[in-house]
Full PDB file with SEQRES, HELIX, SHEET, SSBOND, CRYST1, ORIGX, SCALE, CONECT and MASTER records, all heavy atoms in Angstrom:
SEQRES   1 A   38  ARG SER PHE VAL PRO GLY ALA ILE VAL ARG ARG SER LYS          
SEQRES   2 A   38  CYS ALA GLU LEU ASN THR VAL GLY ASP ALA VAL LYS LEU          
SEQRES   3 A   38  VAL ARG GLU ALA ALA GLY LYS PRO PRO THR ASP ALA              
HELIX    1 AA1 ARG A   11  ALA A   15  1                                   5    
HELIX    2 AA2 VAL A   20  ALA A   30  1                                  11    
CRYST1    1.000    1.000    1.000  90.00  90.00  90.00 P 1           1          
ORIGX1      1.000000  0.000000  0.000000        0.00000                         
ORIGX2      0.000000  1.000000  0.000000        0.00000                         
ORIGX3      0.000000  0.000000  1.000000        0.00000                         
SCALE1      1.000000  0.000000  0.000000        0.00000                         
SCALE2      0.000000  1.000000  0.000000        0.00000                         
SCALE3      0.000000  0.000000  1.000000        0.00000                         
ATOM      1  N   ARG A   1      96.769 122.109 110.898  1.00  0.00           N  
ATOM      2  CA  ARG A   1      95.645 122.010 111.828  1.00  0.00           C  
ATOM      3  C   ARG A   1      95.521 120.645 112.479  1.00  0.00           C  
ATOM      4  O   ARG A   1      94.791 120.496 113.450  1.00  0.00           O  
ATOM      5  CB  ARG A   1      94.343 122.398 111.129  1.00  0.00           C  
ATOM      6  CG  ARG A   1      94.254 123.890 110.935  1.00  0.00           C  
ATOM      7  CD  ARG A   1      92.923 124.346 110.446  1.00  0.00           C  
ATOM      8  NE  ARG A   1      92.888 125.804 110.412  1.00  0.00           N  
ATOM      9  CZ  ARG A   1      91.867 126.500 109.984  1.00  0.00           C  
ATOM     10  NH1 ARG A   1      90.777 125.886 109.547  1.00  0.00           N  
ATOM     11  NH2 ARG A   1      91.922 127.815 109.984  1.00  0.00           N  
ATOM     12  N   SER A   2      96.234 119.661 111.986  1.00  0.00           N  
ATOM     13  CA  SER A   2      96.225 118.377 112.680  1.00  0.00           C  
ATOM     14  C   SER A   2      97.044 118.469 113.970  1.00  0.00           C  
ATOM     15  O   SER A   2      96.931 117.608 114.838  1.00  0.00           O  
ATOM     16  CB  SER A   2      96.751 117.264 111.779  1.00  0.00           C  
ATOM     17  OG  SER A   2      98.118 117.424 111.521  1.00  0.00           O  
ATOM     18  N   PHE A   3      97.844 119.536 114.119  1.00  0.00           N  
ATOM     19  CA  PHE A   3      98.632 119.771 115.327  1.00  0.00           C  
ATOM     20  C   PHE A   3      98.076 120.936 116.142  1.00  0.00           C  
ATOM     21  O   PHE A   3      98.031 120.868 117.360  1.00  0.00           O  
ATOM     22  CB  PHE A   3     100.096 120.059 114.970  1.00  0.00           C  
ATOM     23  CG  PHE A   3     100.791 118.880 114.361  1.00  0.00           C  
ATOM     24  CD1 PHE A   3     100.817 118.694 112.991  1.00  0.00           C  
ATOM     25  CD2 PHE A   3     101.390 117.933 115.170  1.00  0.00           C  
ATOM     26  CE1 PHE A   3     101.448 117.594 112.437  1.00  0.00           C  
ATOM     27  CE2 PHE A   3     102.020 116.829 114.624  1.00  0.00           C  
ATOM     28  CZ  PHE A   3     102.042 116.655 113.250  1.00  0.00           C  
ATOM     29  N   VAL A   4      97.700 122.016 115.466  1.00  0.00           N  
ATOM     30  CA  VAL A   4      97.155 123.214 116.118  1.00  0.00           C  
ATOM     31  C   VAL A   4      95.837 123.534 115.424  1.00  0.00           C  
ATOM     32  O   VAL A   4      95.833 123.997 114.277  1.00  0.00           O  
ATOM     33  CB  VAL A   4      98.132 124.409 115.988  1.00  0.00           C  
ATOM     34  CG1 VAL A   4      97.527 125.665 116.592  1.00  0.00           C  
ATOM     35  CG2 VAL A   4      99.464 124.089 116.630  1.00  0.00           C  
ATOM     36  N   PRO A   5      94.696 123.291 116.090  1.00  0.00           N  
ATOM     37  CA  PRO A   5      93.392 123.433 115.432  1.00  0.00           C  
ATOM     38  C   PRO A   5      93.129 124.792 114.774  1.00  0.00           C  
ATOM     39  O   PRO A   5      92.469 124.856 113.756  1.00  0.00           O  
ATOM     40  CB  PRO A   5      92.402 123.189 116.569  1.00  0.00           C  
ATOM     41  CG  PRO A   5      93.145 122.317 117.517  1.00  0.00           C  
ATOM     42  CD  PRO A   5      94.576 122.767 117.453  1.00  0.00           C  
ATOM     43  N   GLY A   6      93.674 125.857 115.282  1.00  0.00           N  
ATOM     44  CA  GLY A   6      93.426 127.179 114.702  1.00  0.00           C  
ATOM     45  C   GLY A   6      94.521 127.670 113.783  1.00  0.00           C  
ATOM     46  O   GLY A   6      94.566 128.849 113.429  1.00  0.00           O  
ATOM     47  N   ALA A   7      95.409 126.789 113.358  1.00  0.00           N  
ATOM     48  CA  ALA A   7      96.556 127.190 112.525  1.00  0.00           C  
ATOM     49  C   ALA A   7      96.093 127.788 111.199  1.00  0.00           C  
ATOM     50  O   ALA A   7      95.112 127.345 110.610  1.00  0.00           O  
ATOM     51  CB  ALA A   7      97.460 125.989 112.263  1.00  0.00           C  
ATOM     52  N   ILE A   8      96.823 128.811 110.777  1.00  0.00           N  
ATOM     53  CA  ILE A   8      96.519 129.474 109.503  1.00  0.00           C  
ATOM     54  C   ILE A   8      97.777 129.492 108.642  1.00  0.00           C  
ATOM     55  O   ILE A   8      98.846 129.872 109.098  1.00  0.00           O  
ATOM     56  CB  ILE A   8      96.022 130.917 109.737  1.00  0.00           C  
ATOM     57  CG1 ILE A   8      94.692 130.889 110.486  1.00  0.00           C  
ATOM     58  CG2 ILE A   8      95.904 131.670 108.421  1.00  0.00           C  
ATOM     59  CD1 ILE A   8      94.173 132.245 110.872  1.00  0.00           C  
ATOM     60  N   VAL A   9      97.629 129.073 107.393  1.00  0.00           N  
ATOM     61  CA  VAL A   9      98.700 129.169 106.395  1.00  0.00           C  
ATOM     62  C   VAL A   9      98.145 130.028 105.265  1.00  0.00           C  
ATOM     63  O   VAL A   9      97.189 129.662 104.608  1.00  0.00           O  
ATOM     64  CB  VAL A   9      99.127 127.777 105.876  1.00  0.00           C  
ATOM     65  CG1 VAL A   9     100.201 127.922 104.810  1.00  0.00           C  
ATOM     66  CG2 VAL A   9      99.615 126.897 107.022  1.00  0.00           C  
ATOM     67  N   ARG A  10      98.719 131.183 105.087  1.00  0.00           N  
ATOM     68  CA  ARG A  10      98.211 132.153 104.114  1.00  0.00           C  
ATOM     69  C   ARG A  10      98.723 131.886 102.697  1.00  0.00           C  
ATOM     70  O   ARG A  10      99.868 131.491 102.486  1.00  0.00           O  
ATOM     71  CB  ARG A  10      98.602 133.561 104.533  1.00  0.00           C  
ATOM     72  CG  ARG A  10      98.081 133.915 105.916  1.00  0.00           C  
ATOM     73  CD  ARG A  10      97.927 135.409 106.070  1.00  0.00           C  
ATOM     74  NE  ARG A  10      97.461 135.736 107.396  1.00  0.00           N  
ATOM     75  CZ  ARG A  10      96.196 135.697 107.788  1.00  0.00           C  
ATOM     76  NH1 ARG A  10      95.272 135.325 106.931  1.00  0.00           N  
ATOM     77  NH2 ARG A  10      95.844 136.018 109.012  1.00  0.00           N  
ATOM     78  N   ARG A  11      97.842 132.138 101.732  1.00  0.00           N  
ATOM     79  CA  ARG A  11      98.215 131.985 100.316  1.00  0.00           C  
ATOM     80  C   ARG A  11      99.392 132.880  99.958  1.00  0.00           C  
ATOM     81  O   ARG A  11     100.272 132.472  99.207  1.00  0.00           O  
ATOM     82  CB  ARG A  11      97.031 132.339  99.409  1.00  0.00           C  
ATOM     83  CG  ARG A  11      95.968 131.285  99.364  1.00  0.00           C  
ATOM     84  CD  ARG A  11      94.860 131.690  98.374  1.00  0.00           C  
ATOM     85  NE  ARG A  11      93.780 130.740  98.432  1.00  0.00           N  
ATOM     86  CZ  ARG A  11      93.713 129.640  97.694  1.00  0.00           C  
ATOM     87  NH1 ARG A  11      94.666 129.365  96.842  1.00  0.00           N  
ATOM     88  NH2 ARG A  11      92.704 128.822  97.815  1.00  0.00           N  
ATOM     89  N   SER A  12      99.400 134.093 100.490  1.00  0.00           N  
ATOM     90  CA  SER A  12     100.484 135.025 100.163  1.00  0.00           C  
ATOM     91  C   SER A  12     101.831 134.495 100.628  1.00  0.00           C  
ATOM     92  O   SER A  12     102.835 134.656  99.933  1.00  0.00           O  
ATOM     93  CB  SER A  12     100.205 136.401 100.780  1.00  0.00           C  
ATOM     94  OG  SER A  12     100.094 136.302 102.192  1.00  0.00           O  
ATOM     95  N   LYS A  13     101.870 133.857 101.784  1.00  0.00           N  
ATOM     96  CA  LYS A  13     103.123 133.266 102.280  1.00  0.00           C  
ATOM     97  C   LYS A  13     103.548 132.098 101.389  1.00  0.00           C  
ATOM     98  O   LYS A  13     104.727 131.932 101.105  1.00  0.00           O  
ATOM     99  CB  LYS A  13     102.973 132.790 103.723  1.00  0.00           C  
ATOM    100  CG  LYS A  13     102.838 133.902 104.719  1.00  0.00           C  
ATOM    101  CD  LYS A  13     104.152 134.623 104.870  1.00  0.00           C  
ATOM    102  CE  LYS A  13     104.046 135.686 105.935  1.00  0.00           C  
ATOM    103  NZ  LYS A  13     105.258 136.500 106.008  1.00  0.00           N  
ATOM    104  N   CYS A  14     102.583 131.284 100.961  1.00  0.00           N  
ATOM    105  CA  CYS A  14     102.905 130.160 100.074  1.00  0.00           C  
ATOM    106  C   CYS A  14     103.399 130.656  98.719  1.00  0.00           C  
ATOM    107  O   CYS A  14     104.314 130.070  98.137  1.00  0.00           O  
ATOM    108  CB  CYS A  14     101.687 129.257  99.897  1.00  0.00           C  
ATOM    109  SG  CYS A  14     101.304 128.282 101.362  1.00  0.00           S  
ATOM    110  N   ALA A  15     102.815 131.725  98.209  1.00  0.00           N  
ATOM    111  CA  ALA A  15     103.220 132.270  96.912  1.00  0.00           C  
ATOM    112  C   ALA A  15     104.661 132.766  96.939  1.00  0.00           C  
ATOM    113  O   ALA A  15     105.329 132.800  95.910  1.00  0.00           O  
ATOM    114  CB  ALA A  15     102.283 133.388  96.484  1.00  0.00           C  
ATOM    115  N   GLU A  16     105.152 133.135  98.141  1.00  0.00           N  
ATOM    116  CA  GLU A  16     106.513 133.646  98.288  1.00  0.00           C  
ATOM    117  C   GLU A  16     107.548 132.551  98.549  1.00  0.00           C  
ATOM    118  O   GLU A  16     108.742 132.831  98.598  1.00  0.00           O  
ATOM    119  CB  GLU A  16     106.562 134.651  99.449  1.00  0.00           C  
ATOM    120  CG  GLU A  16     105.719 135.886  99.221  1.00  0.00           C  
ATOM    121  CD  GLU A  16     105.603 136.750 100.466  1.00  0.00           C  
ATOM    122  OE1 GLU A  16     106.143 136.370 101.533  1.00  0.00           O  
ATOM    123  OE2 GLU A  16     104.959 137.801 100.377  1.00  0.00           O  
ATOM    124  N   LEU A  17     107.115 131.303  98.713  1.00  0.00           N  
ATOM    125  CA  LEU A  17     108.043 130.213  99.034  1.00  0.00           C  
ATOM    126  C   LEU A  17     109.062 130.004  97.917  1.00  0.00           C  
ATOM    127  O   LEU A  17     108.725 130.105  96.734  1.00  0.00           O  
ATOM    128  CB  LEU A  17     107.277 128.908  99.262  1.00  0.00           C  
ATOM    129  CG  LEU A  17     106.432 128.841 100.523  1.00  0.00           C  
ATOM    130  CD1 LEU A  17     105.554 127.595 100.494  1.00  0.00           C  
ATOM    131  CD2 LEU A  17     107.312 128.856 101.762  1.00  0.00           C  
ATOM    132  N   ASN A  18     110.298 129.696  98.314  1.00  0.00           N  
ATOM    133  CA  ASN A  18     111.356 129.460  97.334  1.00  0.00           C  
ATOM    134  C   ASN A  18     111.648 127.980  97.135  1.00  0.00           C  
ATOM    135  O   ASN A  18     111.769 127.526  96.007  1.00  0.00           O  
ATOM    136  CB  ASN A  18     112.639 130.184  97.741  1.00  0.00           C  
ATOM    137  CG  ASN A  18     112.488 131.683  97.645  1.00  0.00           C  
ATOM    138  OD1 ASN A  18     111.984 132.190  96.659  1.00  0.00           O  
ATOM    139  ND2 ASN A  18     112.915 132.392  98.670  1.00  0.00           N  
ATOM    140  N   THR A  19     111.797 127.235  98.233  1.00  0.00           N  
ATOM    141  CA  THR A  19     112.203 125.831  98.120  1.00  0.00           C  
ATOM    142  C   THR A  19     111.221 124.917  98.851  1.00  0.00           C  
ATOM    143  O   THR A  19     110.393 125.370  99.632  1.00  0.00           O  
ATOM    144  CB  THR A  19     113.606 125.600  98.730  1.00  0.00           C  
ATOM    145  OG1 THR A  19     113.533 125.832 100.139  1.00  0.00           O  
ATOM    146  CG2 THR A  19     114.661 126.492  98.100  1.00  0.00           C  
ATOM    147  N   VAL A  20     111.358 123.627  98.605  1.00  0.00           N  
ATOM    148  CA  VAL A  20     110.551 122.631  99.305  1.00  0.00           C  
ATOM    149  C   VAL A  20     110.846 122.706 100.803  1.00  0.00           C  
ATOM    150  O   VAL A  20     109.935 122.644 101.633  1.00  0.00           O  
ATOM    151  CB  VAL A  20     110.840 121.215  98.755  1.00  0.00           C  
ATOM    152  CG1 VAL A  20     110.137 120.156  99.580  1.00  0.00           C  
ATOM    153  CG2 VAL A  20     110.436 121.126  97.289  1.00  0.00           C  
ATOM    154  N   GLY A  21     112.107 122.883 101.156  1.00  0.00           N  
ATOM    155  CA  GLY A  21     112.488 123.018 102.562  1.00  0.00           C  
ATOM    156  C   GLY A  21     111.803 124.200 103.226  1.00  0.00           C  
ATOM    157  O   GLY A  21     111.398 124.127 104.391  1.00  0.00           O  
ATOM    158  N   ASP A  22     111.667 125.317 102.490  1.00  0.00           N  
ATOM    159  CA  ASP A  22     110.950 126.483 103.017  1.00  0.00           C  
ATOM    160  C   ASP A  22     109.487 126.151 103.273  1.00  0.00           C  
ATOM    161  O   ASP A  22     108.891 126.623 104.239  1.00  0.00           O  
ATOM    162  CB  ASP A  22     111.032 127.662 102.046  1.00  0.00           C  
ATOM    163  CG  ASP A  22     112.430 128.230 101.896  1.00  0.00           C  
ATOM    164  OD1 ASP A  22     113.287 127.984 102.779  1.00  0.00           O  
ATOM    165  OD2 ASP A  22     112.666 128.916 100.881  1.00  0.00           O  
ATOM    166  N   ALA A  23     108.893 125.332 102.403  1.00  0.00           N  
ATOM    167  CA  ALA A  23     107.495 124.929 102.560  1.00  0.00           C  
ATOM    168  C   ALA A  23     107.322 124.075 103.816  1.00  0.00           C  
ATOM    169  O   ALA A  23     106.382 124.272 104.588  1.00  0.00           O  
ATOM    170  CB  ALA A  23     107.011 124.170 101.329  1.00  0.00           C  
ATOM    171  N   VAL A  24     108.243 123.148 104.036  1.00  0.00           N  
ATOM    172  CA  VAL A  24     108.191 122.307 105.238  1.00  0.00           C  
ATOM    173  C   VAL A  24     108.322 123.191 106.478  1.00  0.00           C  
ATOM    174  O   VAL A  24     107.578 123.036 107.450  1.00  0.00           O  
ATOM    175  CB  VAL A  24     109.293 121.227 105.206  1.00  0.00           C  
ATOM    176  CG1 VAL A  24     109.372 120.481 106.530  1.00  0.00           C  
ATOM    177  CG2 VAL A  24     109.049 120.256 104.055  1.00  0.00           C  
ATOM    178  N   LYS A  25     109.236 124.147 106.427  1.00  0.00           N  
ATOM    179  CA  LYS A  25     109.443 125.068 107.556  1.00  0.00           C  
ATOM    180  C   LYS A  25     108.186 125.889 107.834  1.00  0.00           C  
ATOM    181  O   LYS A  25     107.800 126.071 108.992  1.00  0.00           O  
ATOM    182  CB  LYS A  25     110.627 125.987 107.248  1.00  0.00           C  
ATOM    183  CG  LYS A  25     110.965 126.952 108.354  1.00  0.00           C  
ATOM    184  CD  LYS A  25     112.168 127.796 107.982  1.00  0.00           C  
ATOM    185  CE  LYS A  25     112.429 128.842 109.040  1.00  0.00           C  
ATOM    186  NZ  LYS A  25     113.533 129.741 108.655  1.00  0.00           N  
ATOM    187  N   LEU A  26     107.528 126.389 106.793  1.00  0.00           N  
ATOM    188  CA  LEU A  26     106.308 127.174 106.955  1.00  0.00           C  
ATOM    189  C   LEU A  26     105.212 126.357 107.644  1.00  0.00           C  
ATOM    190  O   LEU A  26     104.569 126.825 108.584  1.00  0.00           O  
ATOM    191  CB  LEU A  26     105.801 127.662 105.590  1.00  0.00           C  
ATOM    192  CG  LEU A  26     104.474 128.410 105.584  1.00  0.00           C  
ATOM    193  CD1 LEU A  26     104.627 129.767 106.269  1.00  0.00           C  
ATOM    194  CD2 LEU A  26     103.965 128.582 104.167  1.00  0.00           C  
ATOM    195  N   VAL A  27     105.029 125.115 107.217  1.00  0.00           N  
ATOM    196  CA  VAL A  27     103.998 124.259 107.810  1.00  0.00           C  
ATOM    197  C   VAL A  27     104.365 123.919 109.251  1.00  0.00           C  
ATOM    198  O   VAL A  27     103.510 123.947 110.138  1.00  0.00           O  
ATOM    199  CB  VAL A  27     103.776 122.985 106.969  1.00  0.00           C  
ATOM    200  CG1 VAL A  27     102.821 122.035 107.667  1.00  0.00           C  
ATOM    201  CG2 VAL A  27     103.247 123.354 105.586  1.00  0.00           C  
ATOM    202  N   ARG A  28     105.633 123.624 109.504  1.00  0.00           N  
ATOM    203  CA  ARG A  28     106.065 123.332 110.878  1.00  0.00           C  
ATOM    204  C   ARG A  28     105.808 124.507 111.802  1.00  0.00           C  
ATOM    205  O   ARG A  28     105.365 124.337 112.934  1.00  0.00           O  
ATOM    206  CB  ARG A  28     107.555 122.985 110.911  1.00  0.00           C  
ATOM    207  CG  ARG A  28     107.854 121.572 110.467  1.00  0.00           C  
ATOM    208  CD  ARG A  28     109.304 121.200 110.723  1.00  0.00           C  
ATOM    209  NE  ARG A  28     109.565 121.199 112.154  1.00  0.00           N  
ATOM    210  CZ  ARG A  28     110.573 121.852 112.727  1.00  0.00           C  
ATOM    211  NH1 ARG A  28     111.421 122.548 112.014  1.00  0.00           N  
ATOM    212  NH2 ARG A  28     110.747 121.792 114.032  1.00  0.00           N  
ATOM    213  N   GLU A  29     106.119 125.722 111.343  1.00  0.00           N  
ATOM    214  CA  GLU A  29     105.893 126.909 112.172  1.00  0.00           C  
ATOM    215  C   GLU A  29     104.413 127.097 112.460  1.00  0.00           C  
ATOM    216  O   GLU A  29     104.028 127.400 113.590  1.00  0.00           O  
ATOM    217  CB  GLU A  29     106.488 128.142 111.500  1.00  0.00           C  
ATOM    218  CG  GLU A  29     107.995 128.165 111.546  1.00  0.00           C  
ATOM    219  CD  GLU A  29     108.613 129.317 110.775  1.00  0.00           C  
ATOM    220  OE1 GLU A  29     107.868 130.135 110.192  1.00  0.00           O  
ATOM    221  OE2 GLU A  29     109.853 129.388 110.755  1.00  0.00           O  
ATOM    222  N   ALA A  30     103.570 126.902 111.466  1.00  0.00           N  
ATOM    223  CA  ALA A  30     102.120 127.033 111.672  1.00  0.00           C  
ATOM    224  C   ALA A  30     101.594 125.948 112.608  1.00  0.00           C  
ATOM    225  O   ALA A  30     100.618 126.157 113.327  1.00  0.00           O  
ATOM    226  CB  ALA A  30     101.394 126.967 110.325  1.00  0.00           C  
ATOM    227  N   ALA A  31     102.268 124.797 112.620  1.00  0.00           N  
ATOM    228  CA  ALA A  31     101.833 123.654 113.427  1.00  0.00           C  
ATOM    229  C   ALA A  31     102.444 123.642 114.826  1.00  0.00           C  
ATOM    230  O   ALA A  31     102.292 122.673 115.556  1.00  0.00           O  
ATOM    231  CB  ALA A  31     102.175 122.350 112.707  1.00  0.00           C  
ATOM    232  N   GLY A  32     103.167 124.689 115.189  1.00  0.00           N  
ATOM    233  CA  GLY A  32     103.764 124.746 116.517  1.00  0.00           C  
ATOM    234  C   GLY A  32     105.124 124.100 116.605  1.00  0.00           C  
ATOM    235  O   GLY A  32     105.562 123.704 117.674  1.00  0.00           O  
ATOM    236  N   LYS A  33     105.817 123.957 115.484  1.00  0.00           N  
ATOM    237  CA  LYS A  33     107.181 123.435 115.370  1.00  0.00           C  
ATOM    238  C   LYS A  33     107.388 121.994 115.842  1.00  0.00           C  
ATOM    239  O   LYS A  33     108.353 121.692 116.525  1.00  0.00           O  
ATOM    240  CB  LYS A  33     108.155 124.368 116.073  1.00  0.00           C  
ATOM    241  CG  LYS A  33     108.196 125.740 115.453  1.00  0.00           C  
ATOM    242  CD  LYS A  33     109.311 126.570 115.997  1.00  0.00           C  
ATOM    243  CE  LYS A  33     109.295 127.921 115.301  1.00  0.00           C  
ATOM    244  NZ  LYS A  33     110.351 128.788 115.746  1.00  0.00           N  
ATOM    245  N   PRO A  34     106.506 121.075 115.438  1.00  0.00           N  
ATOM    246  CA  PRO A  34     106.801 119.665 115.726  1.00  0.00           C  
ATOM    247  C   PRO A  34     107.927 119.188 114.803  1.00  0.00           C  
ATOM    248  O   PRO A  34     108.246 119.856 113.822  1.00  0.00           O  
ATOM    249  CB  PRO A  34     105.488 118.953 115.385  1.00  0.00           C  
ATOM    250  CG  PRO A  34     104.869 119.823 114.353  1.00  0.00           C  
ATOM    251  CD  PRO A  34     105.265 121.233 114.711  1.00  0.00           C  
ATOM    252  N   PRO A  35     108.541 118.035 115.076  1.00  0.00           N  
ATOM    253  CA  PRO A  35     109.588 117.526 114.177  1.00  0.00           C  
ATOM    254  C   PRO A  35     109.030 117.231 112.782  1.00  0.00           C  
ATOM    255  O   PRO A  35     107.841 116.928 112.646  1.00  0.00           O  
ATOM    256  CB  PRO A  35     110.061 116.232 114.846  1.00  0.00           C  
ATOM    257  CG  PRO A  35     109.274 116.061 116.081  1.00  0.00           C  
ATOM    258  CD  PRO A  35     108.306 117.179 116.214  1.00  0.00           C  
ATOM    259  N   THR A  36     109.877 117.321 111.767  1.00  0.00           N  
ATOM    260  CA  THR A  36     109.418 117.085 110.392  1.00  0.00           C  
ATOM    261  C   THR A  36     108.935 115.662 110.183  1.00  0.00           C  
ATOM    262  O   THR A  36     108.151 115.401 109.286  1.00  0.00           O  
ATOM    263  CB  THR A  36     110.520 117.378 109.356  1.00  0.00           C  
ATOM    264  OG1 THR A  36     111.651 116.576 109.644  1.00  0.00           O  
ATOM    265  CG2 THR A  36     110.903 118.833 109.362  1.00  0.00           C  
ATOM    266  N   ASP A  37     109.405 114.731 111.014  1.00  0.00           N  
ATOM    267  CA  ASP A  37     108.964 113.351 110.873  1.00  0.00           C  
ATOM    268  C   ASP A  37     107.800 113.006 111.810  1.00  0.00           C  
ATOM    269  O   ASP A  37     107.457 111.842 111.965  1.00  0.00           O  
ATOM    270  CB  ASP A  37     110.126 112.387 111.070  1.00  0.00           C  
ATOM    271  CG  ASP A  37     110.762 112.495 112.453  1.00  0.00           C  
ATOM    272  OD1 ASP A  37     110.411 113.425 113.204  1.00  0.00           O  
ATOM    273  OD2 ASP A  37     111.611 111.652 112.773  1.00  0.00           O  
ATOM    274  N   ALA A  38     107.180 114.039 112.408  1.00  0.00           N  
ATOM    275  CA  ALA A  38     106.013 113.811 113.265  1.00  0.00           C  
ATOM    276  C   ALA A  38     104.877 113.236 112.424  1.00  0.00           C  
ATOM    277  O   ALA A  38     104.590 113.727 111.325  1.00  0.00           O  
ATOM    278  CB  ALA A  38     105.571 115.113 113.920  1.00  0.00           C  
TER     279      ALA A  38                                                      
MASTER        0    0    0    2    0    0    0    6  278    1    0    3          
END                                                                             
């Protein structure tokens, strides 16, 4: 939400995460795909 004010990250999606990289990807997608070092 610091990038997209209405962004939603669901608990169910987080519960299904496998790796740290997957978690970063999930947050980036919810944030409108800014660079990981943004």
